[in-house]
Amino acid sequence: MKAIQRMLAACLFAAAASAQAAFPDRPITLVVPYAPGGSADALARVLAVRMGEKLGTSVIVDNRPGASGTIGASFAAKAAPDGYTVLYDATPYSINPHLFPRMPYAGNALQPLALVSLAPNIVIVRAESPVKSIKDLADKAKAEPGKLNFASGGSGTVQRLAAELLRQRLGLDMVHVGYKSGGPAISDVMGGQVDFMFSTIAASYPLVSSGKLRALAVSSPQRSARLPDVPTIAETVAPGYEAYEWNGLLLPAGTPAPIADKLHKAVVDVLKNDEVKRRFVDVGVQPVGSTPSEFADFLKKEDAKWAEVIRKGNIKLD
């Protein structure tokens, strides 16, 4: 009996090793838990095409939006850990556990593969605003407590929490005005209905460059290559301040190392491509291509940062 069990175990091991060596032998699904047309979706599609070329198969983008990204993430978390389902998630992945009373998947159900990109937000005001700098904004908020308001696309967005982080760092009293998405929020900032907001460079750069909006500051520690003349928040009013939109790849937990390694190599190779780097930089995004362990460390820091911001601000879902 033991001999038969050993033989079966050996056969199973050989079959698993053969499947891993042949990976991939069918299309891979790249789950994007956000709607088509957004910045995350656009860059995911660039990555999917190039990864497919590297891996010798199709990488199909599967948009599964809803519930701040948790629907798509839950789908990926429950998929077979065979490398054929990859999650392309963003900053809400680190925010959602601290806003939702109950997550639809376990915290250890996904394993980090690579941090793909980092994108700072920019603080924007209407072009005619008397506020000319981020220091002007902070001074005005201190001089007129409770009068300055800021927009966002919702409580679970980086834009909302980046503003809250600034408020907490500087001890400001400001009013949040939530919208269902970033587009209407930007429109109302431009129209003067709202004083300012944090926005992605991709969404607001055309309006800044055309003179319809003014960019006051960047949320990353370094200035953006897309807006090199715009100072950072860290260098002006809040040393050490940083807040990013990030995108990264995760796999169902338990994905075999040889398969994860193949996927990781493909991602890193793609992000070294000059054309891909140009596509990212053109929309204000910095390509990264981290190791899985570096991405895991990054996620821990993001989780801790946003947990504290949400707790201190007593932020709830809209």
C-alpha atoms as a PDB file:
ATOM      1  CA  MET A   1       0.000   0.000   0.000  1.00  0.00           C
ATOM      2  CA  LYS A   2       2.788   2.439   0.942  1.00  0.00           C
ATOM      3  CA  ALA A   3       4.576   1.651  -2.315  1.00  0.00           C
ATOM      4  CA  ILE A   4       1.403   2.477  -4.263  1.00  0.00           C
ATOM      5  CA  GLN A   5       0.966   5.730  -2.331  1.00  0.00           C
ATOM      6  CA  ARG A   6       4.566   6.696  -3.066  1.00  0.00           C
ATOM      7  CA  MET A   7       4.036   5.885  -6.718  1.00  0.00           C
ATOM      8  CA  LEU A   8       0.869   8.008  -6.872  1.00  0.00           C
ATOM      9  CA  ALA A   9       2.624  10.890  -5.125  1.00  0.00           C
ATOM     10  CA  ALA A  10       5.504  10.658  -7.596  1.00  0.00           C
ATOM     11  CA  CYS A  11       3.085  10.679 -10.522  1.00  0.00           C
ATOM     12  CA  LEU A  12       1.256  13.699  -9.157  1.00  0.00           C
ATOM     13  CA  PHE A  13       4.535  15.527  -8.594  1.00  0.00           C
ATOM     14  CA  ALA A  14       5.675  14.714 -12.123  1.00  0.00           C
ATOM     15  CA  ALA A  15       2.359  15.905 -13.560  1.00  0.00           C
ATOM     16  CA  ALA A  16       2.553  19.160 -11.604  1.00  0.00           C
ATOM     17  CA  ALA A  17       6.157  19.743 -12.700  1.00  0.00           C
ATOM     18  CA  SER A  18       5.195  19.078 -16.318  1.00  0.00           C
ATOM     19  CA  ALA A  19       2.280  21.548 -16.127  1.00  0.00           C
ATOM     20  CA  GLN A  20       4.537  24.209 -14.629  1.00  0.00           C
ATOM     21  CA  ALA A  21       7.173  23.667 -17.314  1.00  0.00           C
ATOM     22  CA  ALA A  22       4.547  24.016 -20.052  1.00  0.00           C
ATOM     23  CA  PHE A  23       3.065  27.211 -18.571  1.00  0.00           C
ATOM     24  CA  PRO A  24       1.424  29.016 -20.217  1.00  0.00           C
ATOM     25  CA  ASP A  25      -0.329  26.784 -22.714  1.00  0.00           C
ATOM     26  CA  ARG A  26      -3.589  28.767 -22.861  1.00  0.00           C
ATOM     27  CA  PRO A  27      -4.713  32.405 -22.481  1.00  0.00           C
ATOM     28  CA  ILE A  28      -4.162  34.239 -19.196  1.00  0.00           C
ATOM     29  CA  THR A  29      -6.884  36.416 -17.672  1.00  0.00           C
ATOM     30  CA  LEU A  30      -5.822  39.797 -16.298  1.00  0.00           C
ATOM     31  CA  VAL A  31      -8.579  40.863 -13.905  1.00  0.00           C
ATOM     32  CA  VAL A  32      -9.013  44.635 -13.647  1.00  0.00           C
ATOM     33  CA  PRO A  33     -11.484  45.428 -10.838  1.00  0.00           C
ATOM     34  CA  TYR A  34     -12.326  48.845 -12.284  1.00  0.00           C
ATOM     35  CA  ALA A  35     -14.403  50.073 -15.199  1.00  0.00           C
ATOM     36  CA  PRO A  36     -13.062  50.199 -18.764  1.00  0.00           C
ATOM     37  CA  GLY A  37     -11.684  53.533 -19.890  1.00  0.00           C
ATOM     38  CA  GLY A  38     -10.010  54.627 -16.659  1.00  0.00           C
ATOM     39  CA  SER A  39      -6.289  55.104 -16.163  1.00  0.00           C
ATOM     40  CA  ALA A  40      -5.846  51.718 -14.446  1.00  0.00           C
ATOM     41  CA  ASP A  41      -7.628  49.979 -17.308  1.00  0.00           C
ATOM     42  CA  ALA A  42      -5.646  51.808 -20.003  1.00  0.00           C
ATOM     43  CA  LEU A  43      -2.261  50.877 -18.546  1.00  0.00           C
ATOM     44  CA  ALA A  44      -3.433  47.324 -17.823  1.00  0.00           C
ATOM     45  CA  ARG A  45      -4.173  46.914 -21.524  1.00  0.00           C
ATOM     46  CA  VAL A  46      -0.703  48.124 -22.484  1.00  0.00           C
ATOM     47  CA  LEU A  47       0.767  45.627 -20.021  1.00  0.00           C
ATOM     48  CA  ALA A  48      -1.503  42.791 -21.204  1.00  0.00           C
ATOM     49  CA  VAL A  49      -0.457  43.070 -24.848  1.00  0.00           C
ATOM     50  CA  ARG A  50       3.252  43.176 -24.044  1.00  0.00           C
ATOM     51  CA  MET A  51       3.068  40.388 -21.455  1.00  0.00           C
ATOM     52  CA  GLY A  52       1.303  38.206 -23.987  1.00  0.00           C
ATOM     53  CA  GLU A  53       4.157  38.761 -26.419  1.00  0.00           C
ATOM     54  CA  LYS A  54       6.714  37.801 -23.786  1.00  0.00           C
ATOM     55  CA  LEU A  55       4.818  34.714 -22.641  1.00  0.00           C
ATOM     56  CA  GLY A  56       3.739  33.505 -26.063  1.00  0.00           C
ATOM     57  CA  THR A  57       0.014  33.551 -25.311  1.00  0.00           C
ATOM     58  CA  SER A  58      -2.924  35.948 -25.131  1.00  0.00           C
ATOM     59  CA  VAL A  59      -3.440  37.982 -21.973  1.00  0.00           C
ATOM     60  CA  ILE A  60      -7.098  38.951 -21.862  1.00  0.00           C
ATOM     61  CA  VAL A  61      -8.269  41.931 -19.793  1.00  0.00           C
ATOM     62  CA  ASP A  62     -11.383  41.099 -17.788  1.00  0.00           C
ATOM     63  CA  ASN A  63     -13.005  44.191 -16.237  1.00  0.00           C
ATOM     64  CA  ARG A  64     -14.976  43.377 -13.078  1.00  0.00           C
ATOM     65  CA  PRO A  65     -15.809  46.754 -11.519  1.00  0.00           C
ATOM     66  CA  GLY A  66     -17.830  47.460  -8.404  1.00  0.00           C
ATOM     67  CA  ALA A  67     -17.602  47.958  -4.655  1.00  0.00           C
ATOM     68  CA  SER A  68     -14.362  49.953  -4.858  1.00  0.00           C
ATOM     69  CA  GLY A  69     -12.541  47.099  -6.555  1.00  0.00           C
ATOM     70  CA  THR A  70     -13.503  44.355  -4.127  1.00  0.00           C
ATOM     71  CA  ILE A  71     -15.670  42.445  -6.628  1.00  0.00           C
ATOM     72  CA  GLY A  72     -12.824  41.891  -9.068  1.00  0.00           C
ATOM     73  CA  ALA A  73     -10.292  41.250  -6.313  1.00  0.00           C
ATOM     74  CA  SER A  74     -12.603  38.669  -4.752  1.00  0.00           C
ATOM     75  CA  PHE A  75     -12.973  36.899  -8.105  1.00  0.00           C
ATOM     76  CA  ALA A  76      -9.202  36.707  -8.527  1.00  0.00           C
ATOM     77  CA  ALA A  77      -8.653  35.627  -4.908  1.00  0.00           C
ATOM     78  CA  LYS A  78     -10.960  32.652  -5.399  1.00  0.00           C
ATOM     79  CA  ALA A  79      -9.465  31.561  -8.730  1.00  0.00           C
ATOM     80  CA  ALA A  80      -7.264  28.482  -9.106  1.00  0.00           C
ATOM     81  CA  PRO A  81      -3.643  29.241  -8.159  1.00  0.00           C
ATOM     82  CA  ASP A  82      -2.297  28.120 -11.518  1.00  0.00           C
ATOM     83  CA  GLY A  83      -1.047  31.410 -12.998  1.00  0.00           C
ATOM     84  CA  TYR A  84      -3.927  31.781 -15.447  1.00  0.00           C
ATOM     85  CA  THR A  85      -5.664  34.438 -13.351  1.00  0.00           C
ATOM     86  CA  VAL A  86      -3.727  37.592 -12.443  1.00  0.00           C
ATOM     87  CA  LEU A  87      -5.149  40.588 -10.570  1.00  0.00           C
ATOM     88  CA  TYR A  88      -4.188  44.116 -11.663  1.00  0.00           C
ATOM     89  CA  ASP A  89      -5.220  46.177  -8.656  1.00  0.00           C
ATOM     90  CA  ALA A  90      -4.674  49.698  -7.361  1.00  0.00           C
ATOM     91  CA  THR A  91      -4.462  51.730  -4.144  1.00  0.00           C
ATOM     92  CA  PRO A  92      -8.021  50.884  -2.962  1.00  0.00           C
ATOM     93  CA  TYR A  93      -6.666  47.377  -2.337  1.00  0.00           C
ATOM     94  CA  SER A  94      -4.854  48.852   0.712  1.00  0.00           C
ATOM     95  CA  ILE A  95      -7.750  51.108   1.690  1.00  0.00           C
ATOM     96  CA  ASN A  96     -10.787  48.837   1.445  1.00  0.00           C
ATOM     97  CA  PRO A  97     -10.048  46.593   4.469  1.00  0.00           C
ATOM     98  CA  HIS A  98     -10.298  49.658   6.710  1.00  0.00           C
ATOM     99  CA  LEU A  99     -13.573  50.934   5.251  1.00  0.00           C
ATOM    100  CA  PHE A 100     -15.623  47.825   4.551  1.00  0.00           C
ATOM    101  CA  PRO A 101     -17.099  46.128   7.625  1.00  0.00           C
ATOM    102  CA  ARG A 102     -16.441  42.746   6.025  1.00  0.00           C
ATOM    103  CA  MET A 103     -14.225  41.922   3.056  1.00  0.00           C
ATOM    104  CA  PRO A 104     -15.439  39.278   0.560  1.00  0.00           C
ATOM    105  CA  TYR A 105     -12.087  37.466   0.604  1.00  0.00           C
ATOM    106  CA  ALA A 106      -9.435  36.644   3.186  1.00  0.00           C
ATOM    107  CA  GLY A 107      -6.505  38.983   3.668  1.00  0.00           C
ATOM    108  CA  ASN A 108      -4.008  36.274   2.754  1.00  0.00           C
ATOM    109  CA  ALA A 109      -5.933  35.032  -0.291  1.00  0.00           C
ATOM    110  CA  LEU A 110      -3.652  36.882  -2.712  1.00  0.00           C
ATOM    111  CA  GLN A 111       0.125  36.981  -3.000  1.00  0.00           C
ATOM    112  CA  PRO A 112       2.101  39.974  -4.349  1.00  0.00           C
ATOM    113  CA  LEU A 113       3.768  39.594  -7.738  1.00  0.00           C
ATOM    114  CA  ALA A 114       5.058  43.066  -8.665  1.00  0.00           C
ATOM    115  CA  LEU A 115       4.470  46.738  -8.051  1.00  0.00           C
ATOM    116  CA  VAL A 116       3.873  47.942 -11.597  1.00  0.00           C
ATOM    117  CA  SER A 117       3.673  51.722 -11.240  1.00  0.00           C
ATOM    118  CA  LEU A 118       3.417  54.751  -8.983  1.00  0.00           C
ATOM    119  CA  ALA A 119       1.519  57.923  -9.837  1.00  0.00           C
ATOM    120  CA  PRO A 120       1.377  61.066  -7.708  1.00  0.00           C
ATOM    121  CA  ASN A 121      -1.715  63.201  -7.383  1.00  0.00           C
ATOM    122  CA  ILE A 122      -1.641  66.930  -7.964  1.00  0.00           C
ATOM    123  CA  VAL A 123      -3.507  69.543  -5.959  1.00  0.00           C
ATOM    124  CA  ILE A 124      -5.610  71.599  -8.367  1.00  0.00           C
ATOM    125  CA  VAL A 125      -7.639  74.822  -8.117  1.00  0.00           C
ATOM    126  CA  ARG A 126      -9.518  76.779 -10.761  1.00  0.00           C
ATOM    127  CA  ALA A 127      -7.364  79.017 -12.919  1.00  0.00           C
ATOM    128  CA  GLU A 128      -8.909  82.206 -11.473  1.00  0.00           C
ATOM    129  CA  SER A 129      -8.442  81.156  -7.830  1.00  0.00           C
ATOM    130  CA  PRO A 130      -6.601  83.654  -5.613  1.00  0.00           C
ATOM    131  CA  VAL A 131      -4.746  80.647  -4.186  1.00  0.00           C
ATOM    132  CA  LYS A 132      -1.423  80.573  -6.041  1.00  0.00           C
ATOM    133  CA  SER A 133       0.507  77.938  -4.084  1.00  0.00           C
ATOM    134  CA  ILE A 134       0.048  75.072  -1.661  1.00  0.00           C
ATOM    135  CA  LYS A 135       1.272  77.394   1.105  1.00  0.00           C
ATOM    136  CA  ASP A 136      -1.468  79.870   0.168  1.00  0.00           C
ATOM    137  CA  LEU A 137      -3.966  77.021   0.436  1.00  0.00           C
ATOM    138  CA  ALA A 138      -2.716  75.953   3.879  1.00  0.00           C
ATOM    139  CA  ASP A 139      -2.636  79.553   5.122  1.00  0.00           C
ATOM    140  CA  LYS A 140      -6.178  80.181   3.896  1.00  0.00           C
ATOM    141  CA  ALA A 141      -7.460  77.012   5.572  1.00  0.00           C
ATOM    142  CA  LYS A 142      -5.837  78.045   8.865  1.00  0.00           C
ATOM    143  CA  ALA A 143      -7.163  81.611   8.641  1.00  0.00           C
ATOM    144  CA  GLU A 144     -10.711  80.501   7.785  1.00  0.00           C
ATOM    145  CA  PRO A 145     -11.418  77.219   9.623  1.00  0.00           C
ATOM    146  CA  GLY A 146     -14.238  75.162   8.122  1.00  0.00           C
ATOM    147  CA  LYS A 147     -14.707  77.405   5.076  1.00  0.00           C
ATOM    148  CA  LEU A 148     -12.400  75.751   2.557  1.00  0.00           C
ATOM    149  CA  ASN A 149     -13.864  72.696   0.834  1.00  0.00           C
ATOM    150  CA  PHE A 150     -12.304  69.981  -1.286  1.00  0.00           C
ATOM    151  CA  ALA A 151     -13.733  67.479  -3.753  1.00  0.00           C
ATOM    152  CA  SER A 152     -13.075  63.803  -4.358  1.00  0.00           C
ATOM    153  CA  GLY A 153     -14.543  60.873  -6.222  1.00  0.00           C
ATOM    154  CA  GLY A 154     -15.613  59.232  -2.943  1.00  0.00           C
ATOM    155  CA  SER A 155     -14.476  58.345   0.570  1.00  0.00           C
ATOM    156  CA  GLY A 156     -12.529  55.277  -0.499  1.00  0.00           C
ATOM    157  CA  THR A 157     -10.434  57.060  -3.114  1.00  0.00           C
ATOM    158  CA  VAL A 158      -6.820  58.109  -2.825  1.00  0.00           C
ATOM    159  CA  GLN A 159      -7.892  61.673  -3.664  1.00  0.00           C
ATOM    160  CA  ARG A 160     -10.057  61.790  -0.551  1.00  0.00           C
ATOM    161  CA  LEU A 161      -7.477  60.209   1.717  1.00  0.00           C
ATOM    162  CA  ALA A 162      -4.548  62.211   0.322  1.00  0.00           C
ATOM    163  CA  ALA A 163      -6.425  65.393   1.256  1.00  0.00           C
ATOM    164  CA  GLU A 164      -7.228  63.942   4.677  1.00  0.00           C
ATOM    165  CA  LEU A 165      -3.556  63.078   5.190  1.00  0.00           C
ATOM    166  CA  LEU A 166      -2.649  66.693   4.408  1.00  0.00           C
ATOM    167  CA  ARG A 167      -5.383  67.957   6.724  1.00  0.00           C
ATOM    168  CA  GLN A 168      -4.087  65.799   9.567  1.00  0.00           C
ATOM    169  CA  ARG A 169      -0.449  66.679   8.974  1.00  0.00           C
ATOM    170  CA  LEU A 170      -1.131  70.442   9.022  1.00  0.00           C
ATOM    171  CA  GLY A 171      -4.015  70.483  11.513  1.00  0.00           C
ATOM    172  CA  LEU A 172      -6.431  72.051   9.023  1.00  0.00           C
ATOM    173  CA  ASP A 173     -10.218  72.341   9.279  1.00  0.00           C
ATOM    174  CA  MET A 174     -11.666  71.689   5.805  1.00  0.00           C
ATOM    175  CA  VAL A 175     -14.907  70.263   4.437  1.00  0.00           C
ATOM    176  CA  HIS A 176     -15.052  67.238   2.151  1.00  0.00           C
ATOM    177  CA  VAL A 177     -17.483  67.229  -0.779  1.00  0.00           C
ATOM    178  CA  GLY A 178     -17.886  63.728  -2.192  1.00  0.00           C
ATOM    179  CA  TYR A 179     -18.816  62.870  -5.769  1.00  0.00           C
ATOM    180  CA  LYS A 180     -19.602  59.582  -7.459  1.00  0.00           C
ATOM    181  CA  SER A 181     -16.488  59.866  -9.647  1.00  0.00           C
ATOM    182  CA  GLY A 182     -13.542  62.117 -10.306  1.00  0.00           C
ATOM    183  CA  GLY A 183     -14.838  63.683 -13.524  1.00  0.00           C
ATOM    184  CA  PRO A 184     -17.709  65.702 -12.004  1.00  0.00           C
ATOM    185  CA  ALA A 185     -15.442  66.665  -9.101  1.00  0.00           C
ATOM    186  CA  ILE A 186     -12.866  68.161 -11.467  1.00  0.00           C
ATOM    187  CA  SER A 187     -15.622  69.995 -13.348  1.00  0.00           C
ATOM    188  CA  ASP A 188     -16.868  71.614 -10.140  1.00  0.00           C
ATOM    189  CA  VAL A 189     -13.351  72.640  -9.118  1.00  0.00           C
ATOM    190  CA  MET A 190     -12.927  74.215 -12.540  1.00  0.00           C
ATOM    191  CA  GLY A 191     -16.297  75.958 -12.170  1.00  0.00           C
ATOM    192  CA  GLY A 192     -15.523  77.260  -8.684  1.00  0.00           C
ATOM    193  CA  GLN A 193     -18.214  75.284  -6.846  1.00  0.00           C
ATOM    194  CA  VAL A 194     -15.432  73.550  -4.876  1.00  0.00           C
ATOM    195  CA  ASP A 195     -12.148  75.129  -3.785  1.00  0.00           C
ATOM    196  CA  PHE A 196      -9.660  72.378  -4.618  1.00  0.00           C
ATOM    197  CA  MET A 197      -9.032  68.667  -4.953  1.00  0.00           C
ATOM    198  CA  PHE A 198      -6.318  66.075  -5.337  1.00  0.00           C
ATOM    199  CA  SER A 199      -6.442  64.636  -8.843  1.00  0.00           C
ATOM    200  CA  THR A 200      -4.498  62.205 -10.989  1.00  0.00           C
ATOM    201  CA  ILE A 201      -2.167  63.797 -13.508  1.00  0.00           C
ATOM    202  CA  ALA A 202      -3.793  61.749 -16.260  1.00  0.00           C
ATOM    203  CA  ALA A 203      -7.220  63.249 -15.522  1.00  0.00           C
ATOM    204  CA  SER A 204      -6.226  66.870 -14.992  1.00  0.00           C
ATOM    205  CA  TYR A 205      -3.064  67.501 -16.996  1.00  0.00           C
ATOM    206  CA  PRO A 206      -4.887  68.563 -20.199  1.00  0.00           C
ATOM    207  CA  LEU A 207      -6.853  71.146 -18.199  1.00  0.00           C
ATOM    208  CA  VAL A 208      -3.734  72.351 -16.406  1.00  0.00           C
ATOM    209  CA  SER A 209      -1.731  72.661 -19.612  1.00  0.00           C
ATOM    210  CA  SER A 210      -4.589  74.539 -21.319  1.00  0.00           C
ATOM    211  CA  GLY A 211      -4.811  77.024 -18.430  1.00  0.00           C
ATOM    212  CA  LYS A 212      -8.240  75.976 -17.163  1.00  0.00           C
ATOM    213  CA  LEU A 213      -6.838  74.651 -13.887  1.00  0.00           C
ATOM    214  CA  ARG A 214      -3.804  75.522 -11.779  1.00  0.00           C
ATOM    215  CA  ALA A 215      -1.593  72.832 -10.267  1.00  0.00           C
ATOM    216  CA  LEU A 216      -0.330  73.801  -6.814  1.00  0.00           C
ATOM    217  CA  ALA A 217       1.676  70.785  -5.681  1.00  0.00           C
ATOM    218  CA  VAL A 218       2.513  67.138  -6.292  1.00  0.00           C
ATOM    219  CA  SER A 219       1.890  64.418  -3.699  1.00  0.00           C
ATOM    220  CA  SER A 220       5.055  62.371  -4.345  1.00  0.00           C
ATOM    221  CA  PRO A 221       8.392  63.049  -2.605  1.00  0.00           C
ATOM    222  CA  GLN A 222       9.937  63.907  -5.985  1.00  0.00           C
ATOM    223  CA  ARG A 223       8.570  66.238  -8.625  1.00  0.00           C
ATOM    224  CA  SER A 224       6.738  64.702 -11.559  1.00  0.00           C
ATOM    225  CA  ALA A 225       8.562  64.462 -14.887  1.00  0.00           C
ATOM    226  CA  ARG A 226       5.286  65.496 -16.472  1.00  0.00           C
ATOM    227  CA  LEU A 227       5.045  68.680 -14.356  1.00  0.00           C
ATOM    228  CA  PRO A 228       8.638  69.493 -13.366  1.00  0.00           C
ATOM    229  CA  ASP A 229       7.851  73.092 -12.363  1.00  0.00           C
ATOM    230  CA  VAL A 230       5.197  72.077  -9.835  1.00  0.00           C
ATOM    231  CA  PRO A 231       6.690  71.664  -6.330  1.00  0.00           C
ATOM    232  CA  THR A 232       5.960  68.748  -4.034  1.00  0.00           C
ATOM    233  CA  ILE A 233       3.930  68.993  -0.852  1.00  0.00           C
ATOM    234  CA  ALA A 234       6.931  67.547   0.983  1.00  0.00           C
ATOM    235  CA  GLU A 235       9.294  70.318  -0.100  1.00  0.00           C
ATOM    236  CA  THR A 236       6.843  73.110   0.711  1.00  0.00           C
ATOM    237  CA  VAL A 237       4.445  72.621   3.631  1.00  0.00           C
ATOM    238  CA  ALA A 238       4.696  69.034   4.956  1.00  0.00           C
ATOM    239  CA  PRO A 239       8.133  67.349   4.986  1.00  0.00           C
ATOM    240  CA  GLY A 240       7.896  63.602   4.450  1.00  0.00           C
ATOM    241  CA  TYR A 241       4.408  63.782   2.942  1.00  0.00           C
ATOM    242  CA  GLU A 242       3.668  61.257   0.200  1.00  0.00           C
ATOM    243  CA  ALA A 243       0.561  59.747  -1.318  1.00  0.00           C
ATOM    244  CA  TYR A 244       0.406  57.671  -4.464  1.00  0.00           C
ATOM    245  CA  GLU A 245      -1.956  56.058  -6.857  1.00  0.00           C
ATOM    246  CA  TRP A 246      -0.304  52.686  -7.436  1.00  0.00           C
ATOM    247  CA  ASN A 247      -0.962  49.702  -9.629  1.00  0.00           C
ATOM    248  CA  GLY A 248       0.334  46.221  -8.952  1.00  0.00           C
ATOM    249  CA  LEU A 249      -0.112  42.578  -9.848  1.00  0.00           C
ATOM    250  CA  LEU A 250      -1.230  39.892  -7.420  1.00  0.00           C
ATOM    251  CA  LEU A 251      -1.835  36.150  -7.777  1.00  0.00           C
ATOM    252  CA  PRO A 252      -4.104  33.700  -5.974  1.00  0.00           C
ATOM    253  CA  ALA A 253      -2.199  32.489  -2.920  1.00  0.00           C
ATOM    254  CA  GLY A 254      -0.392  29.231  -3.477  1.00  0.00           C
ATOM    255  CA  THR A 255       0.593  29.853  -7.074  1.00  0.00           C
ATOM    256  CA  PRO A 256       3.680  27.667  -7.678  1.00  0.00           C
ATOM    257  CA  ALA A 257       6.973  29.549  -7.601  1.00  0.00           C
ATOM    258  CA  PRO A 258       8.103  28.508 -11.122  1.00  0.00           C
ATOM    259  CA  ILE A 259       4.887  29.933 -12.579  1.00  0.00           C
ATOM    260  CA  ALA A 260       5.049  33.112 -10.505  1.00  0.00           C
ATOM    261  CA  ASP A 261       8.676  33.538 -11.586  1.00  0.00           C
ATOM    262  CA  LYS A 262       7.746  33.317 -15.269  1.00  0.00           C
ATOM    263  CA  LEU A 263       5.025  35.900 -14.839  1.00  0.00           C
ATOM    264  CA  HIS A 264       7.295  38.193 -12.852  1.00  0.00           C
ATOM    265  CA  LYS A 265      10.073  38.045 -15.455  1.00  0.00           C
ATOM    266  CA  ALA A 266       7.579  38.924 -18.176  1.00  0.00           C
ATOM    267  CA  VAL A 267       6.291  41.936 -16.216  1.00  0.00           C
ATOM    268  CA  VAL A 268       9.776  43.265 -15.471  1.00  0.00           C
ATOM    269  CA  ASP A 269      10.878  42.825 -19.084  1.00  0.00           C
ATOM    270  CA  VAL A 270       7.807  44.705 -20.306  1.00  0.00           C
ATOM    271  CA  LEU A 271       8.390  47.607 -17.926  1.00  0.00           C
ATOM    272  CA  LYS A 272      11.968  47.970 -19.213  1.00  0.00           C
ATOM    273  CA  ASN A 273      10.674  48.531 -22.744  1.00  0.00           C
ATOM    274  CA  ASP A 274      11.272  52.139 -23.854  1.00  0.00           C
ATOM    275  CA  GLU A 275       7.902  52.453 -25.589  1.00  0.00           C
ATOM    276  CA  VAL A 276       6.045  51.145 -22.530  1.00  0.00           C
ATOM    277  CA  LYS A 277       7.970  53.506 -20.259  1.00  0.00           C
ATOM    278  CA  ARG A 278       7.067  56.406 -22.534  1.00  0.00           C
ATOM    279  CA  ARG A 279       3.372  55.441 -22.453  1.00  0.00           C
ATOM    280  CA  PHE A 280       3.451  55.432 -18.655  1.00  0.00           C
ATOM    281  CA  VAL A 281       5.398  58.681 -18.263  1.00  0.00           C
ATOM    282  CA  ASP A 282       3.134  60.484 -20.734  1.00  0.00           C
ATOM    283  CA  VAL A 283       0.231  60.103 -18.297  1.00  0.00           C
ATOM    284  CA  GLY A 284       2.274  61.019 -15.233  1.00  0.00           C
ATOM    285  CA  VAL A 285       2.998  57.462 -14.102  1.00  0.00           C
ATOM    286  CA  GLN A 286       6.350  56.053 -12.994  1.00  0.00           C
ATOM    287  CA  PRO A 287       6.939  52.415 -14.038  1.00  0.00           C
ATOM    288  CA  VAL A 288       8.476  50.309 -11.258  1.00  0.00           C
ATOM    289  CA  GLY A 289       8.679  46.523 -11.688  1.00  0.00           C
ATOM    290  CA  SER A 290       9.517  45.512  -8.108  1.00  0.00           C
ATOM    291  CA  THR A 291      10.244  42.067  -6.735  1.00  0.00           C
ATOM    292  CA  PRO A 292       7.398  40.227  -4.962  1.00  0.00           C
ATOM    293  CA  SER A 293       9.038  40.811  -1.566  1.00  0.00           C
ATOM    294  CA  GLU A 294       9.491  44.534  -2.273  1.00  0.00           C
ATOM    295  CA  PHE A 295       5.841  44.767  -3.260  1.00  0.00           C
ATOM    296  CA  ALA A 296       4.839  42.915  -0.081  1.00  0.00           C
ATOM    297  CA  ASP A 297       6.789  45.434   2.023  1.00  0.00           C
ATOM    298  CA  PHE A 298       5.219  48.304   0.116  1.00  0.00           C
ATOM    299  CA  LEU A 299       1.727  46.929   0.724  1.00  0.00           C
ATOM    300  CA  LYS A 300       2.388  46.652   4.476  1.00  0.00           C
ATOM    301  CA  LYS A 301       3.409  50.310   4.621  1.00  0.00           C
ATOM    302  CA  GLU A 302       0.412  51.413   2.562  1.00  0.00           C
ATOM    303  CA  ASP A 303      -1.934  49.392   4.730  1.00  0.00           C
ATOM    304  CA  ALA A 304      -0.558  50.934   7.924  1.00  0.00           C
ATOM    305  CA  LYS A 305      -0.609  54.482   6.557  1.00  0.00           C
ATOM    306  CA  TRP A 306      -4.183  54.453   5.292  1.00  0.00           C
ATOM    307  CA  ALA A 307      -5.451  52.563   8.343  1.00  0.00           C
ATOM    308  CA  GLU A 308      -4.184  55.387  10.553  1.00  0.00           C
ATOM    309  CA  VAL A 309      -5.549  58.142   8.296  1.00  0.00           C
ATOM    310  CA  ILE A 310      -8.995  56.508   8.186  1.00  0.00           C
ATOM    311  CA  ARG A 311      -9.054  55.923  11.938  1.00  0.00           C
ATOM    312  CA  LYS A 312      -7.944  59.438  12.873  1.00  0.00           C
ATOM    313  CA  GLY A 313     -10.314  61.020  10.355  1.00  0.00           C
ATOM    314  CA  ASN A 314     -13.207  58.730  11.331  1.00  0.00           C
ATOM    315  CA  ILE A 315     -13.835  58.226   7.612  1.00  0.00           C
ATOM    316  CA  LYS A 316     -16.762  56.095   6.523  1.00  0.00           C
ATOM    317  CA  LEU A 317     -17.965  54.921   3.149  1.00  0.00           C
ATOM    318  CA  ASP A 318     -20.298  57.369   1.373  1.00  0.00           C
END
